[in-house]
């Protein structure tokens, strides 16, 4: 049977641990709550189930009218027309995620995961690919007024560096009313040779 001194010692240690641990746990919960608010998540589940027990997400999503803006649609149509008139055997893909074009690499899994996370939520406006192999030949970004924002310029500089490192040409084209596709067509022709 444990001695009274032993039990009192254990009780004292428990009181100290609880006395110190409880405020620490509450502080950590507070910090997590602050992070959720910054991220736009109040921590409350907005789950509303249906009678059969499945999650009701009917008010969470709406279809987009188009995957491209009217400006991007016009450019896409003109680009496809120019490439077809030039007789090039290519595919044009709009709104392609960068991680579908470029693979993350690294010496270890953490480095590879970090590299992947930096590109996985970024996309380019158009990818021109070899029609037979679907290998990327050229990528195009249409730069509108948002590309003058500081945050957007940092993103653009990073993407430019990544594409330079892997050797995939990335054209940045300012949004205009009319475009001269000669440079793009001639570049794609050179790459197909």
N, C-alpha and C. Protein backbone atom coordinates (compact mmCIF):
# COMPACT_ATOMS: atom_id res chain seq x y z
N UNK A 1 0.84 -1.18 0.00
CA UNK A 1 0.00 0.00 0.00
C UNK A 1 0.89 1.24 0.00
N UNK A 2 0.60 2.19 -0.90
CA UNK A 2 1.45 3.37 -0.97
C UNK A 2 1.35 4.20 0.31
N UNK A 3 2.44 4.83 0.64
CA UNK A 3 2.48 5.65 1.85
C UNK A 3 1.73 6.96 1.62
N UNK A 4 1.36 7.59 2.72
CA UNK A 4 0.64 8.84 2.67
C UNK A 4 1.49 9.94 2.04
N UNK A 5 2.79 9.93 2.30
CA UNK A 5 3.70 10.92 1.72
C UNK A 5 3.74 10.76 0.20
N UNK A 6 3.81 9.51 -0.24
CA UNK A 6 3.84 9.22 -1.67
C UNK A 6 2.57 9.73 -2.34
N UNK A 7 1.40 9.48 -1.77
CA UNK A 7 0.13 9.92 -2.33
C UNK A 7 0.04 11.45 -2.34
N UNK A 8 0.50 12.08 -1.26
CA UNK A 8 0.48 13.54 -1.21
C UNK A 8 1.41 14.14 -2.26
N UNK A 9 2.55 13.51 -2.47
CA UNK A 9 3.49 13.97 -3.49
C UNK A 9 2.85 13.87 -4.87
N UNK A 10 2.23 12.75 -5.18
CA UNK A 10 1.54 12.58 -6.47
C UNK A 10 0.42 13.60 -6.63
N UNK A 11 -0.35 13.83 -5.58
CA UNK A 11 -1.44 14.79 -5.64
C UNK A 11 -0.90 16.20 -5.89
N UNK A 12 0.20 16.55 -5.24
CA UNK A 12 0.81 17.86 -5.42
C UNK A 12 1.29 18.03 -6.86
N UNK A 13 1.94 17.01 -7.38
CA UNK A 13 2.42 17.05 -8.77
C UNK A 13 1.23 17.20 -9.72
N UNK A 14 0.15 16.48 -9.48
CA UNK A 14 -1.03 16.56 -10.33
C UNK A 14 -1.63 17.96 -10.31
N UNK A 15 -1.71 18.55 -9.14
CA UNK A 15 -2.26 19.90 -9.02
C UNK A 15 -1.39 20.90 -9.79
N UNK A 16 -0.07 20.75 -9.67
CA UNK A 16 0.85 21.65 -10.38
C UNK A 16 0.70 21.48 -11.88
N UNK A 17 0.69 20.23 -12.35
CA UNK A 17 0.56 19.96 -13.78
C UNK A 17 -0.77 20.50 -14.30
N UNK A 18 -1.85 20.24 -13.58
CA UNK A 18 -3.15 20.73 -14.01
C UNK A 18 -3.19 22.25 -13.95
N UNK A 19 -2.63 22.80 -12.88
CA UNK A 19 -2.62 24.25 -12.72
C UNK A 19 -1.84 24.96 -13.81
N UNK A 20 -0.75 24.35 -14.28
CA UNK A 20 0.06 24.94 -15.35
C UNK A 20 -0.47 24.50 -16.71
N UNK A 21 -0.83 23.24 -16.81
CA UNK A 21 -1.24 22.68 -18.10
C UNK A 21 -2.55 23.23 -18.62
N UNK A 22 -3.53 23.41 -17.74
CA UNK A 22 -4.84 23.90 -18.16
C UNK A 22 -4.75 25.28 -18.83
N UNK A 23 -4.07 26.25 -18.23
CA UNK A 23 -3.94 27.55 -18.92
C UNK A 23 -3.19 27.45 -20.25
N UNK A 24 -2.22 26.56 -20.31
CA UNK A 24 -1.48 26.38 -21.56
C UNK A 24 -2.41 25.84 -22.64
N UNK A 25 -3.20 24.84 -22.29
CA UNK A 25 -4.14 24.25 -23.25
C UNK A 25 -5.14 25.31 -23.71
N UNK A 26 -5.67 26.10 -22.78
CA UNK A 26 -6.62 27.15 -23.14
C UNK A 26 -5.97 28.20 -24.04
N UNK A 27 -4.73 28.55 -23.77
CA UNK A 27 -4.01 29.51 -24.60
C UNK A 27 -3.82 28.96 -26.01
N UNK A 28 -3.45 27.69 -26.11
CA UNK A 28 -3.28 27.07 -27.43
C UNK A 28 -4.60 27.05 -28.19
N UNK A 29 -5.70 26.75 -27.50
CA UNK A 29 -7.01 26.79 -28.16
C UNK A 29 -7.32 28.20 -28.66
N UNK A 30 -6.97 29.20 -27.85
CA UNK A 30 -7.17 30.59 -28.26
C UNK A 30 -6.37 30.90 -29.53
N UNK A 31 -5.10 30.48 -29.57
CA UNK A 31 -4.25 30.74 -30.74
C UNK A 31 -4.81 30.06 -31.99
N UNK A 32 -5.27 28.83 -31.83
CA UNK A 32 -5.85 28.10 -32.96
C UNK A 32 -7.09 28.83 -33.47
N UNK A 33 -7.92 29.33 -32.54
CA UNK A 33 -9.10 30.10 -32.92
C UNK A 33 -8.74 31.36 -33.68
N UNK A 34 -7.66 32.04 -33.26
CA UNK A 34 -7.21 33.24 -33.95
C UNK A 34 -6.76 32.90 -35.37
N UNK A 35 -6.04 31.80 -35.54
CA UNK A 35 -5.57 31.38 -36.87
C UNK A 35 -6.76 31.07 -37.77
N UNK A 36 -7.79 30.44 -37.21
CA UNK A 36 -8.98 30.12 -38.00
C UNK A 36 -9.69 31.39 -38.46
N UNK A 37 -9.76 32.39 -37.58
CA UNK A 37 -10.41 33.63 -37.96
C UNK A 37 -9.65 34.33 -39.07
N UNK A 38 -8.32 34.32 -39.00
CA UNK A 38 -7.49 34.93 -40.05
C UNK A 38 -7.72 34.21 -41.36
N UNK A 39 -7.85 32.89 -41.30
CA UNK A 39 -8.05 32.08 -42.50
C UNK A 39 -9.50 32.11 -42.98
N UNK A 40 -10.40 32.78 -42.22
CA UNK A 40 -11.79 32.83 -42.65
C UNK A 40 -12.62 31.66 -42.19
N UNK A 41 -12.10 30.88 -41.24
CA UNK A 41 -12.81 29.72 -40.72
C UNK A 41 -13.07 29.98 -39.25
N UNK A 42 -14.33 30.12 -38.87
CA UNK A 42 -14.63 30.43 -37.48
C UNK A 42 -14.60 29.20 -36.59
N UNK A 43 -14.25 28.05 -37.16
CA UNK A 43 -14.14 26.83 -36.38
C UNK A 43 -15.45 26.12 -36.18
N UNK A 44 -16.54 26.75 -36.52
CA UNK A 44 -17.85 26.14 -36.37
C UNK A 44 -18.15 25.31 -37.61
N UNK A 45 -18.62 24.14 -37.40
CA UNK A 45 -19.00 23.29 -38.52
C UNK A 45 -20.31 23.81 -39.10
N UNK A 46 -20.39 23.97 -40.39
CA UNK A 46 -21.63 24.40 -41.02
C UNK A 46 -22.34 23.18 -41.61
N UNK A 47 -22.11 22.03 -41.00
CA UNK A 47 -22.69 20.78 -41.47
C UNK A 47 -24.19 20.78 -41.22
N UNK A 48 -24.89 20.46 -42.26
CA UNK A 48 -26.32 20.23 -42.09
C UNK A 48 -26.64 18.95 -42.83
N UNK A 49 -26.99 17.95 -42.09
CA UNK A 49 -27.22 16.65 -42.68
C UNK A 49 -28.60 16.52 -43.28
N UNK A 50 -28.75 15.50 -44.09
CA UNK A 50 -30.05 15.20 -44.68
C UNK A 50 -30.67 14.06 -43.89
N UNK A 51 -31.90 13.72 -44.23
CA UNK A 51 -32.60 12.66 -43.50
C UNK A 51 -31.87 11.33 -43.58
N UNK A 52 -31.20 11.06 -44.69
CA UNK A 52 -30.50 9.78 -44.83
C UNK A 52 -29.10 9.80 -44.23
N UNK A 53 -28.74 10.92 -43.55
CA UNK A 53 -27.45 10.98 -42.87
C UNK A 53 -26.30 11.51 -43.70
N UNK A 54 -26.56 11.85 -44.97
CA UNK A 54 -25.48 12.39 -45.79
C UNK A 54 -25.40 13.90 -45.61
N UNK A 55 -24.26 14.45 -45.93
CA UNK A 55 -24.04 15.88 -45.77
C UNK A 55 -24.80 16.66 -46.84
N UNK A 56 -25.46 17.73 -46.45
CA UNK A 56 -26.19 18.59 -47.39
C UNK A 56 -25.26 19.73 -47.81
N UNK A 57 -24.81 19.69 -49.04
CA UNK A 57 -23.93 20.74 -49.55
C UNK A 57 -24.62 21.53 -50.66
N UNK A 58 -25.94 21.45 -50.71
CA UNK A 58 -26.69 22.04 -51.83
C UNK A 58 -26.55 23.55 -51.93
N UNK A 59 -26.22 24.24 -50.85
CA UNK A 59 -26.09 25.69 -50.90
C UNK A 59 -24.63 26.15 -50.87
N UNK A 60 -23.70 25.20 -50.96
CA UNK A 60 -22.27 25.53 -50.86
C UNK A 60 -21.61 25.85 -52.19
N UNK A 61 -22.19 25.41 -53.30
CA UNK A 61 -21.52 25.53 -54.59
C UNK A 61 -22.49 25.97 -55.68
N UNK A 62 -21.95 26.67 -56.65
CA UNK A 62 -22.69 27.05 -57.85
C UNK A 62 -21.78 26.83 -59.05
N UNK A 63 -22.34 26.46 -60.20
CA UNK A 63 -21.49 26.31 -61.39
C UNK A 63 -21.05 27.68 -61.89
N UNK A 64 -19.84 27.74 -62.40
CA UNK A 64 -19.38 28.98 -63.03
C UNK A 64 -20.00 29.05 -64.42
N UNK A 65 -20.19 30.28 -64.89
CA UNK A 65 -20.75 30.46 -66.23
C UNK A 65 -19.77 29.97 -67.29
N UNK A 66 -18.47 30.10 -67.03
CA UNK A 66 -17.44 29.69 -67.98
C UNK A 66 -16.13 29.48 -67.23
N UNK A 67 -15.25 28.66 -67.79
CA UNK A 67 -13.94 28.49 -67.17
C UNK A 67 -13.00 29.63 -67.55
N UNK A 68 -13.44 30.49 -68.47
CA UNK A 68 -12.61 31.62 -68.91
C UNK A 68 -13.43 32.89 -68.89
N UNK A 69 -12.73 34.00 -68.75
CA UNK A 69 -13.37 35.31 -68.86
C UNK A 69 -13.65 35.58 -70.34
N UNK A 70 -14.50 36.54 -70.67
CA UNK A 70 -14.73 36.88 -72.08
C UNK A 70 -13.43 37.25 -72.81
N UNK A 71 -12.52 37.96 -72.13
CA UNK A 71 -11.23 38.31 -72.74
C UNK A 71 -10.42 37.06 -73.04
N UNK A 72 -10.40 36.11 -72.10
CA UNK A 72 -9.66 34.86 -72.30
C UNK A 72 -10.28 34.01 -73.40
N UNK A 73 -11.61 34.01 -73.49
CA UNK A 73 -12.29 33.25 -74.56
C UNK A 73 -11.91 33.80 -75.93
N UNK A 74 -11.94 35.12 -76.06
CA UNK A 74 -11.59 35.76 -77.34
C UNK A 74 -10.16 35.43 -77.73
N UNK A 75 -9.24 35.54 -76.77
CA UNK A 75 -7.84 35.24 -77.06
C UNK A 75 -7.69 33.76 -77.46
N UNK A 76 -8.37 32.88 -76.74
CA UNK A 76 -8.31 31.45 -77.02
C UNK A 76 -8.77 31.16 -78.46
N UNK A 77 -9.89 31.74 -78.84
CA UNK A 77 -10.42 31.53 -80.20
C UNK A 77 -9.43 32.03 -81.25
N UNK A 78 -8.88 33.23 -81.03
CA UNK A 78 -7.92 33.80 -81.98
C UNK A 78 -6.63 32.98 -82.03
N UNK A 79 -6.17 32.52 -80.88
CA UNK A 79 -4.95 31.70 -80.82
C UNK A 79 -5.15 30.39 -81.57
N UNK A 80 -6.25 29.70 -81.31
CA UNK A 80 -6.53 28.44 -82.01
C UNK A 80 -6.62 28.65 -83.51
N UNK A 81 -7.27 29.74 -83.91
CA UNK A 81 -7.41 30.06 -85.34
C UNK A 81 -6.02 30.29 -85.96
N UNK A 82 -5.16 31.06 -85.30
CA UNK A 82 -3.82 31.35 -85.83
C UNK A 82 -2.99 30.07 -85.95
N UNK A 83 -3.06 29.21 -84.95
CA UNK A 83 -2.29 27.96 -84.98
C UNK A 83 -2.81 27.02 -86.07
N UNK A 84 -4.13 26.96 -86.23
CA UNK A 84 -4.73 26.12 -87.28
C UNK A 84 -4.36 26.63 -88.67
N UNK A 85 -4.44 27.95 -88.88
CA UNK A 85 -4.08 28.53 -90.18
C UNK A 85 -2.62 28.27 -90.52
N UNK A 86 -1.78 28.20 -89.49
CA UNK A 86 -0.36 27.92 -89.72
C UNK A 86 -0.12 26.43 -89.97
N UNK A 87 -1.17 25.62 -89.84
CA UNK A 87 -1.04 24.18 -90.09
C UNK A 87 -0.30 23.43 -89.00
N UNK A 88 -0.31 23.95 -87.79
CA UNK A 88 0.42 23.30 -86.69
C UNK A 88 -0.43 22.22 -86.03
N UNK A 89 0.20 21.10 -85.77
CA UNK A 89 -0.47 19.98 -85.11
C UNK A 89 -0.27 20.11 -83.60
N UNK A 90 -1.08 20.98 -82.98
CA UNK A 90 -0.96 21.23 -81.55
C UNK A 90 -2.34 21.22 -80.90
N UNK A 91 -2.33 21.06 -79.60
CA UNK A 91 -3.54 21.21 -78.79
C UNK A 91 -3.37 22.47 -77.95
N UNK A 92 -4.45 23.14 -77.71
CA UNK A 92 -4.42 24.31 -76.84
C UNK A 92 -5.32 24.02 -75.64
N UNK A 93 -4.73 24.09 -74.45
CA UNK A 93 -5.46 23.81 -73.22
C UNK A 93 -5.57 25.09 -72.39
N UNK A 94 -6.78 25.52 -72.04
CA UNK A 94 -6.91 26.70 -71.19
C UNK A 94 -6.91 26.34 -69.70
N UNK A 95 -6.51 27.31 -68.88
CA UNK A 95 -6.60 27.20 -67.42
C UNK A 95 -5.98 25.92 -66.87
N UNK A 96 -4.69 25.73 -67.11
CA UNK A 96 -4.00 24.51 -66.69
C UNK A 96 -3.22 24.77 -65.41
N UNK A 97 -3.38 23.87 -64.45
CA UNK A 97 -2.65 23.96 -63.20
C UNK A 97 -1.16 23.74 -63.46
N UNK A 98 -0.32 24.56 -62.83
CA UNK A 98 1.13 24.47 -63.04
C UNK A 98 1.65 23.08 -62.66
N UNK A 99 1.06 22.45 -61.64
CA UNK A 99 1.54 21.13 -61.23
C UNK A 99 1.21 20.05 -62.26
N UNK A 100 0.36 20.35 -63.25
CA UNK A 100 0.11 19.41 -64.35
C UNK A 100 1.18 19.55 -65.43
N UNK A 101 1.92 20.66 -65.39
CA UNK A 101 2.95 20.95 -66.39
C UNK A 101 4.35 20.67 -65.86
N UNK A 102 4.55 20.97 -64.59
CA UNK A 102 5.87 20.90 -63.98
C UNK A 102 5.80 20.03 -62.74
N UNK A 103 6.75 19.11 -62.60
CA UNK A 103 6.82 18.24 -61.43
C UNK A 103 7.70 18.85 -60.36
N UNK A 104 7.29 18.66 -59.12
CA UNK A 104 8.13 19.08 -58.00
C UNK A 104 9.24 18.06 -57.83
N UNK A 105 10.43 18.55 -57.55
CA UNK A 105 11.55 17.64 -57.31
C UNK A 105 12.29 18.11 -56.08
N UNK A 106 13.13 17.27 -55.57
CA UNK A 106 13.91 17.61 -54.39
C UNK A 106 14.65 16.40 -53.89
N UNK A 107 15.57 16.65 -52.99
CA UNK A 107 16.40 15.57 -52.45
C UNK A 107 15.67 14.75 -51.41
N UNK A 108 14.71 15.33 -50.74
CA UNK A 108 13.95 14.58 -49.74
C UNK A 108 12.47 14.90 -49.87
N UNK A 109 11.65 14.15 -49.16
CA UNK A 109 10.20 14.30 -49.30
C UNK A 109 9.71 15.66 -48.82
N UNK A 110 10.34 16.23 -47.78
CA UNK A 110 9.92 17.55 -47.30
C UNK A 110 10.20 18.62 -48.34
N UNK A 111 11.37 18.54 -48.95
CA UNK A 111 11.72 19.53 -49.98
C UNK A 111 10.78 19.40 -51.17
N UNK A 112 10.49 18.17 -51.55
CA UNK A 112 9.60 17.93 -52.68
C UNK A 112 8.18 18.43 -52.37
N UNK A 113 7.71 18.18 -51.14
CA UNK A 113 6.38 18.65 -50.75
C UNK A 113 6.33 20.17 -50.73
N UNK A 114 7.38 20.80 -50.24
CA UNK A 114 7.43 22.27 -50.21
C UNK A 114 7.39 22.83 -51.62
N UNK A 115 8.16 22.22 -52.53
CA UNK A 115 8.18 22.68 -53.93
C UNK A 115 6.80 22.49 -54.56
N UNK A 116 6.17 21.35 -54.30
CA UNK A 116 4.83 21.10 -54.85
C UNK A 116 3.82 22.12 -54.33
N UNK A 117 3.86 22.39 -53.03
CA UNK A 117 2.91 23.33 -52.43
C UNK A 117 3.03 24.72 -53.01
N UNK A 118 4.21 25.09 -53.49
CA UNK A 118 4.40 26.43 -54.06
C UNK A 118 3.77 26.57 -55.45
N UNK A 119 3.53 25.44 -56.15
CA UNK A 119 2.96 25.51 -57.50
C UNK A 119 1.55 24.94 -57.61
N UNK A 120 1.10 24.19 -56.62
CA UNK A 120 -0.14 23.42 -56.79
C UNK A 120 -1.40 24.26 -56.93
N UNK A 121 -1.40 25.49 -56.43
CA UNK A 121 -2.60 26.32 -56.55
C UNK A 121 -2.43 27.44 -57.57
N UNK A 122 -1.47 27.26 -58.47
CA UNK A 122 -1.24 28.27 -59.50
C UNK A 122 -1.56 27.65 -60.86
N UNK A 123 -2.00 28.50 -61.78
CA UNK A 123 -2.30 28.00 -63.11
C UNK A 123 -1.80 29.00 -64.15
N UNK A 124 -1.74 28.52 -65.39
CA UNK A 124 -1.42 29.41 -66.51
C UNK A 124 -2.64 29.45 -67.41
N UNK A 125 -2.76 30.53 -68.17
CA UNK A 125 -3.97 30.72 -68.98
C UNK A 125 -4.08 29.71 -70.11
N UNK A 126 -2.95 29.45 -70.82
CA UNK A 126 -3.00 28.52 -71.96
C UNK A 126 -1.73 27.70 -72.02
N UNK A 127 -1.89 26.44 -72.40
CA UNK A 127 -0.76 25.56 -72.69
C UNK A 127 -0.91 25.10 -74.12
N UNK A 128 0.14 25.29 -74.90
CA UNK A 128 0.18 24.76 -76.26
C UNK A 128 1.01 23.49 -76.19
N UNK A 129 0.40 22.37 -76.56
CA UNK A 129 1.05 21.07 -76.42
C UNK A 129 1.14 20.36 -77.76
N UNK A 130 2.13 19.49 -77.88
CA UNK A 130 2.28 18.63 -79.04
C UNK A 130 1.01 17.77 -79.12
N UNK A 131 0.34 17.79 -80.28
CA UNK A 131 -0.95 17.10 -80.41
C UNK A 131 -0.82 15.59 -80.21
N UNK A 132 0.29 15.02 -80.62
CA UNK A 132 0.48 13.57 -80.52
C UNK A 132 0.85 13.14 -79.11
N UNK A 133 1.82 13.81 -78.51
CA UNK A 133 2.34 13.38 -77.20
C UNK A 133 1.76 14.17 -76.02
N UNK A 134 1.14 15.31 -76.30
CA UNK A 134 0.63 16.24 -75.30
C UNK A 134 1.74 16.80 -74.41
N UNK A 135 2.98 16.76 -74.89
CA UNK A 135 4.09 17.40 -74.19
C UNK A 135 3.95 18.91 -74.32
N UNK A 136 4.22 19.62 -73.24
CA UNK A 136 4.09 21.08 -73.25
C UNK A 136 5.15 21.70 -74.14
N UNK A 137 4.72 22.59 -75.04
CA UNK A 137 5.65 23.31 -75.92
C UNK A 137 5.84 24.75 -75.44
N UNK A 138 4.73 25.43 -75.21
CA UNK A 138 4.74 26.85 -74.85
C UNK A 138 3.57 27.10 -73.91
N UNK A 139 3.76 28.01 -72.95
CA UNK A 139 2.66 28.45 -72.09
C UNK A 139 2.47 29.94 -72.28
N UNK A 140 1.22 30.38 -72.10
CA UNK A 140 0.88 31.79 -72.31
C UNK A 140 0.09 32.28 -71.10
N UNK A 141 0.47 33.45 -70.64
CA UNK A 141 -0.27 34.15 -69.59
C UNK A 141 -0.76 35.47 -70.16
N UNK A 142 -2.05 35.72 -70.06
CA UNK A 142 -2.60 37.02 -70.43
C UNK A 142 -2.52 37.92 -69.20
N UNK A 143 -1.81 39.02 -69.32
CA UNK A 143 -1.63 39.92 -68.19
C UNK A 143 -2.57 41.11 -68.29
N UNK A 144 -3.55 41.15 -67.40
CA UNK A 144 -4.45 42.30 -67.34
C UNK A 144 -3.98 43.23 -66.23
N UNK A 145 -4.81 44.19 -65.85
CA UNK A 145 -4.42 45.19 -64.85
C UNK A 145 -4.05 44.57 -63.50
N UNK A 146 -4.59 43.38 -63.17
CA UNK A 146 -4.29 42.77 -61.88
C UNK A 146 -2.82 42.38 -61.75
N UNK A 147 -2.14 42.23 -62.87
CA UNK A 147 -0.73 41.83 -62.84
C UNK A 147 0.18 42.98 -62.41
N UNK A 148 -0.39 44.17 -62.22
CA UNK A 148 0.41 45.29 -61.71
C UNK A 148 0.38 45.35 -60.19
N UNK A 149 -0.47 44.56 -59.55
CA UNK A 149 -0.55 44.52 -58.09
C UNK A 149 0.72 43.87 -57.54
N UNK A 150 1.21 44.35 -56.40
CA UNK A 150 2.44 43.82 -55.79
C UNK A 150 2.36 42.32 -55.55
N UNK A 151 1.26 41.85 -54.97
CA UNK A 151 1.14 40.42 -54.67
C UNK A 151 1.16 39.60 -55.96
N UNK A 152 0.55 40.13 -56.99
CA UNK A 152 0.50 39.42 -58.27
C UNK A 152 1.87 39.44 -58.94
N UNK A 153 2.62 40.54 -58.80
CA UNK A 153 3.96 40.62 -59.39
C UNK A 153 4.90 39.62 -58.73
N UNK A 154 4.77 39.42 -57.41
CA UNK A 154 5.58 38.42 -56.73
C UNK A 154 5.27 37.03 -57.26
N UNK A 155 3.98 36.74 -57.45
CA UNK A 155 3.56 35.45 -57.99
C UNK A 155 4.10 35.27 -59.41
N UNK A 156 3.99 36.33 -60.24
CA UNK A 156 4.47 36.26 -61.61
C UNK A 156 5.98 36.05 -61.68
N UNK A 157 6.73 36.75 -60.82
CA UNK A 157 8.19 36.57 -60.79
C UNK A 157 8.55 35.14 -60.43
N UNK A 158 7.84 34.58 -59.45
CA UNK A 158 8.10 33.20 -59.05
C UNK A 158 7.81 32.24 -60.20
N UNK A 159 6.66 32.40 -60.85
CA UNK A 159 6.29 31.53 -61.98
C UNK A 159 7.29 31.67 -63.12
N UNK A 160 7.71 32.89 -63.43
CA UNK A 160 8.71 33.10 -64.48
C UNK A 160 9.99 32.33 -64.17
N UNK A 161 10.44 32.39 -62.92
CA UNK A 161 11.66 31.70 -62.51
C UNK A 161 11.50 30.19 -62.66
N UNK A 162 10.37 29.66 -62.22
CA UNK A 162 10.13 28.21 -62.31
C UNK A 162 10.15 27.76 -63.77
N UNK A 163 9.45 28.48 -64.64
CA UNK A 163 9.40 28.10 -66.05
C UNK A 163 10.79 28.23 -66.70
N UNK A 164 11.55 29.26 -66.33
CA UNK A 164 12.92 29.39 -66.85
C UNK A 164 13.77 28.20 -66.42
N UNK A 165 13.66 27.80 -65.16
CA UNK A 165 14.47 26.69 -64.64
C UNK A 165 14.18 25.37 -65.36
N UNK A 166 12.92 25.13 -65.71
CA UNK A 166 12.59 23.86 -66.37
C UNK A 166 12.67 23.95 -67.88
N UNK A 167 12.88 25.16 -68.42
CA UNK A 167 13.08 25.31 -69.86
C UNK A 167 11.81 25.32 -70.69
N UNK A 168 10.69 25.67 -70.08
CA UNK A 168 9.45 25.79 -70.84
C UNK A 168 9.21 27.27 -71.12
N UNK A 169 9.09 27.66 -72.39
CA UNK A 169 8.83 29.07 -72.69
C UNK A 169 7.48 29.52 -72.13
N UNK A 170 7.49 30.67 -71.49
CA UNK A 170 6.26 31.26 -70.96
C UNK A 170 6.16 32.67 -71.52
N UNK A 171 5.14 32.87 -72.37
CA UNK A 171 4.91 34.19 -72.93
C UNK A 171 3.94 34.95 -72.04
N UNK A 172 4.30 36.18 -71.74
CA UNK A 172 3.39 37.08 -71.03
C UNK A 172 2.91 38.11 -72.04
N UNK A 173 1.61 38.15 -72.22
CA UNK A 173 1.03 39.01 -73.23
C UNK A 173 0.04 39.96 -72.56
N UNK A 174 0.24 41.25 -72.77
CA UNK A 174 -0.69 42.23 -72.20
C UNK A 174 -2.02 42.13 -72.93
N UNK A 175 -3.08 42.28 -72.16
CA UNK A 175 -4.43 42.24 -72.73
C UNK A 175 -4.59 43.43 -73.68
N UNK A 176 -4.99 43.13 -74.91
CA UNK A 176 -5.19 44.14 -75.96
C UNK A 176 -6.52 43.87 -76.65
N UNK A 177 -6.91 44.78 -77.51
CA UNK A 177 -8.11 44.53 -78.33
C UNK A 177 -7.80 43.55 -79.46
N UNK A 178 -6.60 43.68 -80.04
CA UNK A 178 -6.18 42.81 -81.14
C UNK A 178 -4.77 42.32 -80.85
N UNK A 179 -4.46 41.12 -81.35
CA UNK A 179 -3.17 40.50 -81.07
C UNK A 179 -2.48 40.10 -82.38
N UNK A 180 -1.16 40.17 -82.33
CA UNK A 180 -0.35 39.68 -83.44
C UNK A 180 0.21 38.32 -83.00
N UNK A 181 -0.27 37.25 -83.61
CA UNK A 181 0.11 35.91 -83.19
C UNK A 181 1.36 35.39 -83.90
N UNK A 182 1.99 36.22 -84.71
CA UNK A 182 3.13 35.79 -85.50
C UNK A 182 4.24 35.22 -84.61
N UNK A 183 4.58 35.90 -83.52
CA UNK A 183 5.67 35.45 -82.65
C UNK A 183 5.37 34.09 -82.03
N UNK A 184 4.15 33.90 -81.57
CA UNK A 184 3.78 32.62 -80.95
C UNK A 184 3.80 31.51 -81.98
N UNK A 185 3.21 31.75 -83.15
CA UNK A 185 3.18 30.75 -84.20
C UNK A 185 4.60 30.36 -84.62
N UNK A 186 5.48 31.35 -84.80
CA UNK A 186 6.84 31.04 -85.23
C UNK A 186 7.61 30.27 -84.14
N UNK A 187 7.38 30.61 -82.87
CA UNK A 187 8.02 29.89 -81.77
C UNK A 187 7.58 28.44 -81.73
N UNK A 188 6.27 28.22 -81.85
CA UNK A 188 5.74 26.85 -81.82
C UNK A 188 6.27 26.07 -83.01
N UNK A 189 6.35 26.70 -84.18
CA UNK A 189 6.91 26.02 -85.37
C UNK A 189 8.35 25.58 -85.10
N UNK A 190 9.15 26.46 -84.52
CA UNK A 190 10.55 26.10 -84.20
C UNK A 190 10.61 24.93 -83.24
N UNK A 191 9.73 24.91 -82.28
CA UNK A 191 9.75 23.85 -81.29
C UNK A 191 9.29 22.51 -81.84
N UNK A 192 8.47 22.54 -82.87
CA UNK A 192 8.00 21.30 -83.47
C UNK A 192 9.03 20.66 -84.40
N UNK A 193 10.04 21.43 -84.77
CA UNK A 193 11.06 20.89 -85.69
C UNK A 193 12.04 20.00 -84.96
